[in-house]
Amino acid sequence: TRHLSFSCENRSETSFEAFLGFKRARTLLLLSGYKSTTRFIPSDLFLKLRYLHVLDLNRRGITELPDSIGSLKMLRYLNLSGTGIAMLPSSIGRIFSLQILKLKNCHELGCLPQSITNLVNLRWLEARTELVTEISGIDNLTCLQQLDEFVVRTDKGYKISELKTMKGIRGHICIKNIESVASAEEASHAFLSEKTFINILDLVWSDNRNLPSEEVNSDKEILEVLQPHHELKELTVKAFAGSSFPNWLSSLSHLQTIHLSDCTKCSILPALGELPQLKYLDIGGFRAIIQINQEFSGTNEVKGFPALKELLFEDTTCLEKWASVTDGEFLPSLTELAVMDCPQVTEFPLLPSTLVKLKISETGFAILPEVHIPNSRFPSSLECLQIHQCPNLKSLKEGLLSQQ
């Protein structure tokens, strides 16, 4: 027999002695075992089942793995999810063929052994984020394809250069504590522009930093070299302390979603209107911005946010106006606009007739933003209007009252 699976729906106990005789087994799966318990795993079990390629131990009663787990030289897949294991044996670092390690819902597991960095063929590590971020020298896992979060530190083994060799990272990655990056040269070693499989990137600095001017300039230089691959779909930049963004932000032509938040020193917005596929944009915590100029909408062939559907301005407390846009079509696809906690703002450009939802909260508007409609003051597409704490707003236009 090469492939074994055992299913248990009730609370009965599973004994591993029953599997000791299957010395040629390639697969051992313990299925549907959340309610059931198990006896301890015999110390010689994996010495007997040394040809296993797949091992799934789904039993809440498992609290310990024997050191003999390291003898499974052919093991590709190991699932310990839902177990009560508090510590993995360091011998797990000898399973050099391991490609997938699952530790989901291992609530008792306090840390991962340092030997885990020996798993050079590991492609997928499913574990709590705080366990993964504590791995020192994670750059040894050159085949790893998933890394949800990387926390930069100044200590060896945790610098941003750890990402240099991890070219297979895909999907979503959040890089935190970027203020711990020593220089632009160090940041360049992350080689984000060469990581072609990342489609969602978060670049996060710590909040509430009191920075001298030289560190503000350092933030700008570091962000400049953290340019991602041109096919990136979603970007978040949080707590960046530079006064302006690098030009590459408006050149990522595949971007569909942008979140910019708590960039309190930034007074100039990049030309995001030039992004042809941008559909969602939210800007919050930009307290140095007083006026948004026409450059925000772009000056190239592509401009005016051609694909943007949802736009949110929030907590831009010094913003007074978004200057009118007169050159070309502007926001032709916009369906939702929210302006919240912008107490000084009084002026917005003419909005398109495609608007479906308009939310105004804690603003200085005396009149609602105008909507461009040839024969009506409000678009027939408008379905939802929310107004909250706008003390300067004196009246609603007659065109609004005629909406059905």
Protein backbone atom coordinates (compact mmCIF):
# COMPACT_ATOMS: atom_id res chain seq x y z
CA THR A 1 0.00 0.00 0.00
CA ARG A 2 1.32 3.37 -1.01
CA HIS A 3 -1.45 5.81 -0.01
CA LEU A 4 -3.28 5.80 3.32
CA SER A 5 -6.04 8.02 4.64
CA PHE A 6 -7.98 7.72 7.86
CA SER A 7 -11.21 9.59 8.61
CA CYS A 8 -12.74 10.04 12.05
CA GLU A 9 -15.81 12.18 12.66
CA ASN A 10 -16.32 11.44 16.36
CA ARG A 11 -14.27 11.84 19.53
CA SER A 12 -12.64 8.43 19.39
CA GLU A 13 -8.90 8.10 19.85
CA THR A 14 -6.48 7.49 17.00
CA SER A 15 -3.50 5.22 17.59
CA PHE A 16 -0.44 5.55 15.34
CA GLU A 17 0.69 1.99 16.02
CA ALA A 18 -1.73 0.85 13.32
CA PHE A 19 0.39 2.61 10.66
CA LEU A 20 3.79 1.23 11.63
CA GLY A 21 3.60 -1.70 9.21
CA PHE A 22 3.13 0.37 6.04
CA LYS A 23 6.83 0.87 5.39
CA ARG A 24 6.41 1.69 1.68
CA ALA A 25 3.66 4.30 2.18
CA ARG A 26 4.03 7.53 0.22
CA THR A 27 0.96 9.29 1.64
CA LEU A 28 -0.56 9.36 5.13
CA LEU A 29 -3.60 11.57 5.65
CA LEU A 30 -5.53 11.90 8.91
CA LEU A 31 -8.80 13.46 7.76
CA SER A 32 -11.80 15.01 9.55
CA GLY A 33 -10.12 14.75 12.89
CA TYR A 34 -10.76 18.04 14.62
CA LYS A 35 -12.98 16.46 17.28
CA SER A 36 -11.00 13.27 17.71
CA THR A 37 -7.93 12.86 19.89
CA THR A 38 -4.77 10.87 19.45
CA ARG A 39 -2.15 9.06 21.43
CA PHE A 40 1.41 10.33 21.30
CA ILE A 41 3.32 9.76 18.09
CA PRO A 42 5.78 6.87 18.52
CA SER A 43 9.40 8.01 18.33
CA ASP A 44 10.15 5.46 15.60
CA LEU A 45 7.08 6.14 13.42
CA PHE A 46 8.94 8.25 10.85
CA LEU A 47 11.91 5.90 10.91
CA LYS A 48 9.53 3.22 9.68
CA LEU A 49 7.62 5.43 7.21
CA ARG A 50 10.72 7.02 5.71
CA TYR A 51 9.36 7.07 2.13
CA LEU A 52 6.50 9.45 2.88
CA HIS A 53 6.00 12.26 0.38
CA VAL A 54 2.78 13.63 1.92
CA LEU A 55 1.95 13.76 5.65
CA ASP A 56 -1.23 15.35 6.96
CA LEU A 57 -1.68 15.20 10.75
CA ASN A 58 -4.98 16.80 11.53
CA ARG A 59 -5.53 15.89 15.16
CA ARG A 60 -6.07 18.36 17.97
CA GLY A 61 -4.53 15.92 20.45
CA ILE A 62 -1.09 16.02 18.81
CA THR A 63 1.11 18.12 21.08
CA GLU A 64 4.57 16.94 20.12
CA LEU A 65 6.51 15.77 17.07
CA PRO A 66 9.35 13.31 17.56
CA ASP A 67 12.83 14.18 16.32
CA SER A 68 12.51 11.37 13.81
CA ILE A 69 10.47 13.75 11.60
CA GLY A 70 13.85 14.81 10.22
CA SER A 71 14.37 11.37 8.69
CA LEU A 72 11.63 11.97 6.09
CA LYS A 73 14.06 12.93 3.34
CA MET A 74 11.45 12.57 0.58
CA LEU A 75 8.67 14.53 2.31
CA ARG A 76 7.22 17.29 0.08
CA TYR A 77 4.06 18.22 2.01
CA LEU A 78 3.60 18.49 5.80
CA ASN A 79 0.35 19.69 7.34
CA LEU A 80 0.30 20.23 11.11
CA SER A 81 -2.67 22.63 11.07
CA GLY A 82 -5.06 22.39 13.99
CA THR A 83 -2.63 20.55 16.26
CA GLY A 84 -1.60 21.52 19.79
CA ILE A 85 2.12 21.50 19.04
CA ALA A 86 3.99 24.06 21.16
CA MET A 87 7.39 23.62 19.53
CA LEU A 88 8.76 22.10 16.35
CA PRO A 89 11.87 19.95 16.67
CA SER A 90 14.99 21.46 15.09
CA SER A 91 15.32 18.26 13.05
CA ILE A 92 12.56 19.59 10.79
CA GLY A 93 15.33 21.57 9.11
CA ARG A 94 16.68 18.32 7.66
CA ILE A 95 13.63 17.73 5.45
CA PHE A 96 15.36 19.35 2.50
CA SER A 97 12.72 18.23 -0.04
CA LEU A 98 9.86 19.91 1.85
CA GLN A 99 7.90 22.31 -0.36
CA ILE A 100 4.74 22.98 1.66
CA LEU A 101 4.52 23.42 5.45
CA LYS A 102 1.12 24.24 6.95
CA LEU A 103 0.81 25.43 10.54
CA LYS A 104 -2.61 27.08 10.42
CA ASN A 105 -4.48 27.32 13.74
CA CYS A 106 -1.51 26.05 15.74
CA HIS A 107 -2.38 28.34 18.63
CA GLU A 108 0.13 26.82 21.05
CA LEU A 109 3.08 27.23 18.72
CA GLY A 110 5.25 30.02 20.13
CA CYS A 111 8.07 30.21 17.60
CA LEU A 112 9.66 28.48 14.64
CA PRO A 113 13.10 26.84 14.96
CA GLN A 114 16.00 28.63 13.32
CA SER A 115 16.71 25.45 11.36
CA ILE A 116 13.63 26.20 9.24
CA THR A 117 15.86 28.41 7.07
CA ASN A 118 17.55 25.20 5.88
CA LEU A 119 14.41 24.28 3.93
CA VAL A 120 15.76 25.67 0.68
CA ASN A 121 13.00 24.08 -1.41
CA LEU A 122 10.14 25.44 0.71
CA ARG A 123 7.58 27.21 -1.47
CA TRP A 124 4.65 27.68 0.88
CA LEU A 125 4.75 28.41 4.62
CA GLU A 126 1.32 28.84 6.15
CA ALA A 127 1.65 30.15 9.71
CA ARG A 128 0.70 33.11 11.87
CA THR A 129 2.30 36.31 10.63
CA GLU A 130 4.13 36.95 13.89
CA LEU A 131 5.86 33.57 13.61
CA VAL A 132 7.08 34.18 10.07
CA THR A 133 8.31 37.72 10.77
CA GLU A 134 10.54 36.40 13.57
CA ILE A 135 12.55 34.19 11.20
CA SER A 136 16.12 35.45 10.99
CA GLY A 137 17.81 34.96 7.64
CA ILE A 138 14.62 34.25 5.72
CA ASP A 139 16.55 35.02 2.54
CA ASN A 140 17.77 31.40 2.62
CA LEU A 141 14.23 30.37 1.60
CA THR A 142 14.86 31.37 -2.00
CA CYS A 143 11.96 29.31 -3.36
CA LEU A 144 9.35 30.80 -1.02
CA GLN A 145 6.35 32.06 -2.98
CA GLN A 146 4.27 33.55 -0.18
CA LEU A 147 5.42 36.18 2.31
CA ASP A 148 2.48 38.24 3.53
CA GLU A 149 4.52 40.50 5.79
CA PHE A 150 8.18 41.44 6.18
CA VAL A 151 9.16 43.60 9.15
CA VAL A 152 12.42 45.47 8.56
CA ARG A 153 14.86 45.73 11.46
CA THR A 154 18.40 46.98 11.81
CA ASP A 155 19.62 43.60 13.10
CA LYS A 156 21.43 41.18 10.83
CA GLY A 157 19.01 38.70 9.33
CA TYR A 158 16.10 41.15 9.30
CA LYS A 159 17.28 43.87 6.91
CA ILE A 160 15.38 44.68 3.75
CA SER A 161 18.19 43.07 1.74
CA GLU A 162 16.80 39.70 2.91
CA LEU A 163 14.33 40.07 0.03
CA LYS A 164 17.12 40.14 -2.54
CA THR A 165 17.19 36.41 -3.33
CA MET A 166 13.46 35.79 -2.90
CA LYS A 167 12.51 36.24 -6.54
CA GLY A 168 9.52 33.89 -6.45
CA ILE A 169 7.44 35.93 -3.97
CA ARG A 170 3.98 36.41 -5.44
CA GLY A 171 0.58 37.79 -4.60
CA HIS A 172 0.60 40.22 -1.68
CA ILE A 173 3.49 41.43 0.47
CA CYS A 174 3.50 44.13 3.15
CA ILE A 175 6.92 45.63 4.01
CA LYS A 176 6.74 47.33 7.42
CA ASN A 177 9.04 49.57 9.48
CA ILE A 178 10.77 50.95 6.41
CA GLU A 179 12.26 53.67 8.63
CA SER A 180 14.69 50.93 9.77
CA VAL A 181 16.25 50.90 6.28
CA ALA A 182 19.64 52.58 6.68
CA SER A 183 19.98 54.08 3.21
CA ALA A 184 18.72 54.13 -0.35
CA GLU A 185 21.56 51.81 -1.29
CA GLU A 186 20.36 49.24 1.24
CA ALA A 187 16.77 49.62 0.01
CA SER A 188 17.88 48.96 -3.56
CA HIS A 189 18.99 45.46 -2.53
CA ALA A 190 15.34 44.45 -2.16
CA PHE A 191 15.12 44.39 -5.98
CA LEU A 192 11.35 44.94 -5.95
CA SER A 193 11.32 45.86 -9.62
CA GLU A 194 12.49 42.34 -10.47
CA LYS A 195 9.76 40.57 -8.48
CA THR A 196 7.37 40.07 -11.35
CA PHE A 197 4.80 37.96 -9.47
CA ILE A 198 3.93 40.52 -6.78
CA ASN A 199 0.62 42.15 -7.68
CA ILE A 200 -0.22 43.80 -4.31
CA LEU A 201 2.46 45.77 -2.45
CA ASP A 202 2.23 47.67 0.86
CA LEU A 203 5.07 50.01 1.82
CA VAL A 204 4.60 51.04 5.45
CA TRP A 205 6.59 53.34 7.70
CA SER A 206 5.80 53.70 11.41
CA ASP A 207 3.37 56.44 12.42
CA ASN A 208 4.07 59.54 14.50
CA ARG A 209 7.76 59.96 13.77
CA ASN A 210 9.36 63.30 14.66
CA LEU A 211 11.88 63.61 11.88
CA PRO A 212 14.65 66.11 11.20
CA SER A 213 14.84 67.37 7.61
CA GLU A 214 17.64 64.97 6.62
CA GLU A 215 15.50 61.95 7.52
CA VAL A 216 12.60 63.36 5.52
CA ASN A 217 14.92 63.46 2.51
CA SER A 218 16.04 59.92 3.31
CA ASP A 219 12.44 58.70 3.13
CA LYS A 220 12.13 60.18 -0.35
CA GLU A 221 15.37 58.61 -1.55
CA ILE A 222 14.42 55.22 -0.14
CA LEU A 223 10.96 55.24 -1.74
CA GLU A 224 12.57 56.19 -5.04
CA VAL A 225 14.54 52.91 -5.16
CA LEU A 226 11.65 50.78 -3.88
CA GLN A 227 10.03 51.00 -7.31
CA PRO A 228 7.97 47.84 -7.90
CA HIS A 229 7.52 45.88 -11.11
CA HIS A 230 5.54 47.72 -13.76
CA GLU A 231 2.71 45.16 -13.74
CA LEU A 232 1.76 45.84 -10.10
CA LYS A 233 -2.03 45.95 -9.60
CA GLU A 234 -2.43 47.46 -6.11
CA LEU A 235 -0.19 49.78 -4.07
CA THR A 236 -0.38 51.08 -0.50
CA VAL A 237 1.99 53.75 0.85
CA LYS A 238 1.53 54.59 4.53
CA ALA A 239 3.27 57.13 6.78
CA PHE A 240 5.84 58.12 4.14
CA ALA A 241 7.50 61.34 5.37
CA GLY A 242 8.75 62.80 2.10
CA SER A 243 7.40 66.07 0.72
CA SER A 244 6.56 64.51 -2.66
CA PHE A 245 6.35 61.12 -4.33
CA PRO A 246 8.77 59.70 -6.90
CA ASN A 247 7.81 59.87 -10.58
CA TRP A 248 7.50 56.09 -10.88
CA LEU A 249 4.18 56.19 -9.01
CA SER A 250 2.46 57.71 -12.02
CA SER A 251 4.15 55.35 -14.48
CA LEU A 252 2.78 52.02 -13.19
CA SER A 253 0.27 51.67 -15.98
CA HIS A 254 -1.30 48.45 -14.65
CA LEU A 255 -2.24 49.88 -11.25
CA GLN A 256 -5.94 49.47 -10.45
CA THR A 257 -5.99 50.42 -6.75
CA ILE A 258 -3.98 52.97 -4.74
CA HIS A 259 -4.12 53.67 -1.01
CA LEU A 260 -2.11 56.68 0.20
CA SER A 261 -2.40 57.43 3.93
CA ASP A 262 -0.79 59.42 6.74
CA CYS A 263 1.86 61.02 4.54
CA THR A 264 1.73 64.13 6.71
CA LYS A 265 4.73 65.94 5.18
CA CYS A 266 3.64 65.52 1.59
CA SER A 267 2.25 68.70 0.00
CA ILE A 268 2.20 67.62 -3.66
CA LEU A 269 0.25 64.71 -5.12
CA PRO A 270 1.67 62.72 -8.04
CA ALA A 271 0.08 62.75 -11.49
CA LEU A 272 -2.19 59.78 -10.81
CA GLY A 273 -4.65 60.88 -13.48
CA GLU A 274 -2.24 59.43 -16.05
CA LEU A 275 -2.82 55.84 -14.88
CA PRO A 276 -5.08 54.29 -17.54
CA GLN A 277 -6.40 51.39 -15.42
CA LEU A 278 -6.75 53.06 -12.01
CA LYS A 279 -10.23 52.27 -10.63
CA TYR A 280 -10.00 52.96 -6.89
CA LEU A 281 -8.08 55.75 -5.13
CA ASP A 282 -8.16 56.81 -1.51
CA ILE A 283 -6.08 59.62 -0.02
CA GLY A 284 -6.08 60.19 3.73
CA GLY A 285 -4.04 61.95 6.36
CA PHE A 286 -2.32 64.40 3.97
CA ARG A 287 -2.29 67.34 6.35
CA ALA A 288 0.25 69.43 4.44
CA ILE A 289 -1.83 69.71 1.27
CA ILE A 290 -3.55 73.08 0.85
CA GLN A 291 -4.46 72.92 -2.83
CA ILE A 292 -4.62 70.17 -5.43
CA ASN A 293 -3.46 71.51 -8.78
CA GLN A 294 -4.25 70.38 -12.29
CA GLU A 295 -1.00 68.40 -12.43
CA PHE A 296 -2.68 65.76 -10.26
CA SER A 297 -4.91 64.93 -13.23
CA GLY A 298 -1.92 64.51 -15.54
CA THR A 299 -0.45 66.26 -18.54
CA ASN A 300 0.36 63.31 -20.85
CA GLU A 301 -1.84 61.71 -23.52
CA VAL A 302 -3.60 59.71 -20.81
CA LYS A 303 -5.04 62.05 -18.18
CA GLY A 304 -8.11 62.89 -16.20
CA PHE A 305 -8.44 59.49 -14.45
CA PRO A 306 -10.10 57.70 -17.40
CA ALA A 307 -11.01 54.48 -15.51
CA LEU A 308 -11.45 55.76 -11.93
CA LYS A 309 -14.71 54.59 -10.34
CA GLU A 310 -14.25 55.32 -6.62
CA LEU A 311 -12.44 58.30 -5.08
CA LEU A 312 -12.04 59.05 -1.38
CA PHE A 313 -10.47 62.08 0.31
CA GLU A 314 -10.23 61.76 4.09
CA ASP A 315 -8.53 63.68 6.90
CA THR A 316 -6.86 66.23 4.63
CA THR A 317 -7.47 68.91 7.22
CA CYS A 318 -5.70 71.81 5.46
CA LEU A 319 -7.07 71.17 1.97
CA GLU A 320 -8.91 74.25 0.73
CA LYS A 321 -9.62 73.44 -2.88
CA TRP A 322 -9.07 71.13 -5.78
CA ALA A 323 -8.43 73.50 -8.66
CA SER A 324 -10.80 73.25 -11.62
CA VAL A 325 -9.75 70.99 -14.47
CA THR A 326 -10.36 72.52 -17.88
CA ASP A 327 -8.14 70.48 -20.18
CA GLY A 328 -9.84 67.36 -21.58
CA GLU A 329 -12.34 64.89 -20.15
CA PHE A 330 -12.20 64.54 -16.37
CA LEU A 331 -13.26 61.52 -14.25
CA PRO A 332 -15.48 60.10 -17.02
CA SER A 333 -16.09 56.80 -15.17
CA LEU A 334 -16.51 58.02 -11.59
CA THR A 335 -19.45 56.46 -9.72
CA GLU A 336 -18.58 57.13 -6.06
CA LEU A 337 -17.04 60.17 -4.39
CA ALA A 338 -16.49 60.66 -0.65
CA VAL A 339 -14.98 63.77 0.95
CA MET A 340 -14.64 63.28 4.71
CA ASP A 341 -13.00 65.23 7.54
CA CYS A 342 -11.76 68.01 5.26
CA PRO A 343 -13.05 71.03 7.21
CA GLN A 344 -11.33 73.71 5.07
CA VAL A 345 -12.31 72.49 1.63
CA THR A 346 -14.71 74.73 -0.25
CA GLU A 347 -14.07 74.05 -3.93
CA PHE A 348 -13.99 70.97 -6.16
CA PRO A 349 -13.85 70.59 -9.95
CA LEU A 350 -16.92 69.84 -12.03
CA LEU A 351 -17.97 66.23 -11.45
CA PRO A 352 -19.15 63.80 -14.16
CA SER A 353 -22.72 62.71 -14.82
CA THR A 354 -21.83 59.08 -14.05
CA LEU A 355 -21.87 59.75 -10.28
CA VAL A 356 -24.05 57.27 -8.35
CA LYS A 357 -23.01 57.91 -4.74
CA LEU A 358 -21.85 61.18 -3.16
CA LYS A 359 -20.81 61.37 0.49
CA ILE A 360 -19.84 64.67 2.12
CA SER A 361 -18.86 64.70 5.81
CA GLU A 362 -17.22 67.37 7.99
CA THR A 363 -16.31 69.68 5.12
CA GLY A 364 -16.36 73.41 4.51
CA PHE A 365 -18.52 73.27 1.36
CA ALA A 366 -21.05 76.07 1.13
CA ILE A 367 -22.55 74.44 -1.96
CA LEU A 368 -22.22 70.87 -3.14
CA PRO A 369 -19.65 70.11 -5.87
CA GLU A 370 -21.08 70.89 -9.29
CA VAL A 371 -21.98 68.06 -11.65
CA HIS A 372 -21.59 68.48 -15.39
CA ILE A 373 -24.97 67.82 -16.99
CA PRO A 374 -26.18 69.76 -20.05
CA ASN A 375 -29.82 70.15 -19.00
CA SER A 376 -29.82 69.35 -15.30
CA ARG A 377 -27.97 70.40 -12.19
CA PHE A 378 -27.71 66.87 -10.85
CA PRO A 379 -27.10 63.61 -12.70
CA SER A 380 -29.98 61.23 -13.23
CA SER A 381 -27.60 58.44 -12.20
CA LEU A 382 -27.30 59.74 -8.61
CA GLU A 383 -28.81 57.17 -6.22
CA CYS A 384 -27.26 58.00 -2.84
CA LEU A 385 -26.43 61.34 -1.25
CA GLN A 386 -25.06 61.52 2.31
CA ILE A 387 -24.32 64.83 4.04
CA HIS A 388 -23.02 64.91 7.59
CA GLN A 389 -21.70 67.77 9.76
CA CYS A 390 -21.28 70.37 7.04
CA PRO A 391 -22.12 73.59 8.93
CA ASN A 392 -21.34 75.90 6.00
CA LEU A 393 -23.78 74.18 3.65
CA LYS A 394 -26.79 76.49 3.44
CA SER A 395 -29.12 74.87 0.91
CA LEU A 396 -29.53 72.14 -1.67
CA LYS A 397 -29.98 72.97 -5.34
CA GLU A 398 -33.37 72.77 -6.98
CA GLY A 399 -32.14 70.14 -9.40
CA LEU A 400 -31.55 67.73 -6.51
CA LEU A 401 -35.13 68.03 -5.29
CA SER A 402 -36.45 66.82 -8.64
CA GLN A 403 -34.57 63.51 -8.44
CA GLN A 404 -36.75 60.42 -8.13
